[in-house]
Amino acid sequence: MDAIPLSEQYRINIKDAIELIDNTLESVEKSNVILSGKHLREIRKAISKKPYQKL
């Protein structure tokens, strides 16, 4: 199995992070809930995972 270059891992991670944020915003808009600090902490934790981990 070929290793993915670090730059590509970060590009993938950023793409996944943006997708996660978009999905969260869509869910919040549909449900009319208030986005709390807890939600933001969960999003941050998911984004800060190692670049090669799927969010």
Protein backbone atom coordinates (compact mmCIF):
# COMPACT_ATOMS: atom_id res chain seq x y z
CA MET A 1 0.00 0.00 0.00
CA ASP A 2 1.45 3.35 -1.04
CA ALA A 3 1.66 6.06 1.58
CA ILE A 4 -0.34 9.18 0.84
CA PRO A 5 1.91 12.29 0.80
CA LEU A 6 1.42 14.53 3.82
CA SER A 7 0.28 17.45 1.66
CA GLU A 8 -2.44 15.26 0.13
CA GLN A 9 -3.49 14.01 3.59
CA TYR A 10 -3.98 17.59 4.74
CA ARG A 11 -5.87 18.51 1.56
CA ILE A 12 -8.20 15.54 2.15
CA ASN A 13 -8.59 16.49 5.82
CA ILE A 14 -9.48 20.09 4.97
CA LYS A 15 -11.99 18.90 2.35
CA ASP A 16 -13.56 16.52 4.89
CA ALA A 17 -13.62 19.25 7.55
CA ILE A 18 -15.43 21.65 5.22
CA GLU A 19 -17.90 18.90 4.29
CA LEU A 20 -18.51 18.18 7.99
CA ILE A 21 -19.16 21.88 8.69
CA ASP A 22 -21.49 22.14 5.68
CA ASN A 23 -23.44 19.07 6.82
CA THR A 24 -23.68 20.45 10.35
CA LEU A 25 -24.93 23.82 9.11
CA GLU A 26 -27.50 22.11 6.91
CA SER A 27 -28.75 20.03 9.86
CA VAL A 28 -28.95 23.09 12.10
CA GLU A 29 -30.85 25.08 9.48
CA LYS A 30 -33.33 22.26 8.89
CA SER A 31 -34.01 21.62 12.55
CA ASN A 32 -33.96 25.26 13.76
CA VAL A 33 -31.83 24.30 16.77
CA ILE A 34 -29.26 26.60 18.29
CA LEU A 35 -25.68 25.57 17.59
CA SER A 36 -24.13 25.30 21.04
CA GLY A 37 -20.58 25.28 22.29
CA LYS A 38 -20.90 21.53 22.71
CA HIS A 39 -21.64 21.12 19.01
CA LEU A 40 -18.68 23.30 18.10
CA ARG A 41 -16.37 21.32 20.40
CA GLU A 42 -17.49 18.07 18.74
CA ILE A 43 -16.86 19.55 15.29
CA ARG A 44 -13.44 20.80 16.39
CA LYS A 45 -12.54 17.39 17.81
CA ALA A 46 -13.50 15.70 14.55
CA ILE A 47 -11.53 18.21 12.49
CA SER A 48 -8.43 17.95 14.67
CA LYS A 49 -8.11 14.19 14.15
CA LYS A 50 -5.07 12.98 12.31
CA PRO A 51 -5.23 13.91 8.61
CA TYR A 52 -5.47 10.31 7.40
CA GLN A 53 -8.51 9.51 9.54
CA LYS A 54 -11.91 9.77 7.93
CA LEU A 55 -14.09 12.33 9.66
